[in-house]
Amino acid sequence: MKRIVFASMLMLGMVGCATPPETSHSLIERQELKVDPEVIYTMEVTELFQERLSQPGGGSLLQVQFAVDARSDAELAWKVTWFDDSGMKVKGVGEGYRRATLLAGQSRFFKATAPSPRVTSYQLHLREPK
């Protein structure tokens, strides 16, 4: 009985001393799609793709494409925020929201291309125009 208690204590001690798995603290977990609640009632994002576009002379740019199905006539404002591999925001030209008009039953397709080859991830924001 003493051996079982000792073995159990030894195992618990070893588990407590185990090193946690190595993770990158600089990489920030984020959802790729952020949709305001007001927009969810009037439309639905039905497709969301990303691909890398090869550039002349080497390198590639991340491109995001998405489709929206409108349930009713609505206005949409959207933008893409770009991030590098360390989770830092990469600035580009025209970072503001873009406006679009959707008609009931319509599917609209949108795309945006990263401003730099350093971009490795993104976050797409959809909201009502202000």
Protein backbone atom coordinates (compact mmCIF):
# COMPACT_ATOMS: atom_id res chain seq x y z
CA MET A 1 0.00 0.00 0.00
CA LYS A 2 2.85 2.36 0.83
CA ARG A 3 4.35 1.69 -2.61
CA ILE A 4 1.10 2.64 -4.38
CA VAL A 5 0.82 5.88 -2.39
CA PHE A 6 4.49 6.67 -3.04
CA ALA A 7 4.14 5.92 -6.78
CA SER A 8 1.01 8.10 -6.98
CA MET A 9 2.75 10.99 -5.22
CA LEU A 10 5.76 10.61 -7.51
CA MET A 11 3.55 10.71 -10.64
CA LEU A 12 1.67 13.78 -9.40
CA GLY A 13 4.96 15.49 -8.65
CA MET A 14 6.25 14.74 -12.15
CA VAL A 15 3.07 16.06 -13.79
CA GLY A 16 3.36 19.29 -11.80
CA CYS A 17 6.94 19.77 -12.98
CA ALA A 18 6.24 19.10 -16.64
CA THR A 19 7.04 22.02 -18.91
CA PRO A 20 4.10 23.43 -20.87
CA PRO A 21 4.14 23.02 -24.65
CA GLU A 22 6.12 25.69 -26.43
CA THR A 23 3.90 28.36 -27.99
CA SER A 24 4.58 31.63 -29.72
CA HIS A 25 3.54 34.52 -27.49
CA SER A 26 3.83 36.96 -30.36
CA LEU A 27 1.14 35.25 -32.46
CA ILE A 28 -2.27 36.56 -31.50
CA GLU A 29 -5.27 34.27 -31.99
CA ARG A 30 -8.10 36.05 -33.79
CA GLN A 31 -11.18 35.18 -35.76
CA GLU A 32 -10.86 35.89 -39.46
CA LEU A 33 -14.42 37.17 -39.76
CA LYS A 34 -15.98 39.86 -37.55
CA VAL A 35 -19.62 40.66 -38.34
CA ASP A 36 -21.63 43.24 -36.39
CA PRO A 37 -24.95 41.89 -35.06
CA GLU A 38 -27.00 44.42 -37.09
CA VAL A 39 -25.56 43.04 -40.33
CA ILE A 40 -26.24 39.37 -39.51
CA TYR A 41 -30.00 39.91 -39.87
CA THR A 42 -29.81 41.32 -43.39
CA MET A 43 -27.05 39.23 -44.99
CA GLU A 44 -24.89 36.14 -44.67
CA VAL A 45 -21.26 35.52 -45.64
CA THR A 46 -21.49 32.36 -47.72
CA GLU A 47 -17.89 32.01 -48.89
CA LEU A 48 -14.54 33.14 -47.51
CA PHE A 49 -11.35 32.23 -49.35
CA GLN A 50 -7.71 33.20 -49.16
CA GLU A 51 -4.88 32.53 -51.58
CA ARG A 52 -1.37 33.73 -52.26
CA LEU A 53 -0.76 35.52 -55.58
CA SER A 54 2.73 35.09 -57.02
CA GLN A 55 4.48 38.33 -57.88
CA PRO A 56 6.97 38.96 -60.69
CA GLY A 57 10.46 38.78 -59.26
CA GLY A 58 9.45 36.46 -56.40
CA GLY A 59 7.33 36.74 -53.34
CA SER A 60 3.56 36.63 -53.08
CA LEU A 61 0.66 38.66 -51.75
CA LEU A 62 -2.26 37.34 -49.71
CA GLN A 63 -5.64 37.87 -51.37
CA VAL A 64 -9.00 37.49 -49.60
CA GLN A 65 -12.27 36.85 -51.43
CA PHE A 66 -15.72 36.60 -49.90
CA ALA A 67 -19.35 36.34 -50.98
CA VAL A 68 -22.39 37.83 -49.28
CA ASP A 69 -26.03 36.79 -49.82
CA ALA A 70 -28.56 39.52 -49.01
CA ARG A 71 -31.80 38.62 -47.26
CA SER A 72 -33.17 42.14 -47.81
CA ASP A 73 -32.05 45.43 -49.35
CA ALA A 74 -29.16 46.65 -47.24
CA GLU A 75 -26.04 48.78 -47.07
CA LEU A 76 -22.72 47.18 -46.12
CA ALA A 77 -19.40 48.60 -45.00
CA TRP A 78 -16.38 46.28 -45.05
CA LYS A 79 -12.64 46.39 -44.57
CA VAL A 80 -9.73 44.01 -44.16
CA THR A 81 -7.06 44.41 -41.48
CA TRP A 82 -3.76 42.77 -42.43
CA PHE A 83 -1.24 41.18 -40.02
CA ASP A 84 2.35 39.88 -40.32
CA ASP A 85 3.59 36.58 -38.88
CA SER A 86 4.21 38.15 -35.46
CA GLY A 87 0.61 39.42 -35.23
CA MET A 88 1.48 43.07 -35.88
CA LYS A 89 -0.84 45.15 -38.07
CA VAL A 90 0.50 45.94 -41.55
CA LYS A 91 -0.66 49.33 -42.82
CA GLY A 92 -1.78 49.83 -46.37
CA VAL A 93 -3.35 52.46 -48.59
CA GLY A 94 -7.10 52.93 -48.23
CA GLU A 95 -7.56 51.23 -44.87
CA GLY A 96 -11.03 52.67 -44.29
CA TYR A 97 -14.33 50.91 -44.74
CA ARG A 98 -15.63 50.38 -48.27
CA ARG A 99 -19.35 50.73 -48.93
CA ALA A 100 -21.58 48.43 -50.96
CA THR A 101 -25.31 48.22 -51.65
CA LEU A 102 -27.00 44.83 -51.57
CA LEU A 103 -30.42 43.97 -53.01
CA ALA A 104 -32.67 41.26 -51.59
CA GLY A 105 -31.80 37.84 -53.03
CA GLN A 106 -28.54 39.13 -54.50
CA SER A 107 -25.12 37.50 -54.05
CA ARG A 108 -22.18 39.92 -54.19
CA PHE A 109 -18.52 39.00 -54.39
CA PHE A 110 -15.67 41.08 -52.97
CA LYS A 111 -11.89 40.78 -52.84
CA ALA A 112 -8.94 42.58 -51.34
CA THR A 113 -5.21 42.09 -51.75
CA ALA A 114 -2.64 42.59 -48.99
CA PRO A 115 -0.42 45.67 -49.22
CA SER A 116 2.82 43.76 -48.59
CA PRO A 117 4.38 40.28 -48.97
CA ARG A 118 4.93 40.33 -45.16
CA VAL A 119 1.19 39.79 -44.60
CA THR A 120 0.38 36.27 -43.40
CA SER A 121 -3.12 36.68 -41.91
CA TYR A 122 -6.12 38.98 -41.93
CA GLN A 123 -9.36 39.93 -40.23
CA LEU A 124 -12.44 40.85 -42.28
CA HIS A 125 -14.85 43.36 -40.68
CA LEU A 126 -18.47 43.78 -41.82
CA ARG A 127 -20.83 46.43 -40.42
CA GLU A 128 -23.54 48.92 -41.34
CA PRO A 129 -22.21 52.14 -42.88
CA LYS A 130 -22.02 55.12 -40.55
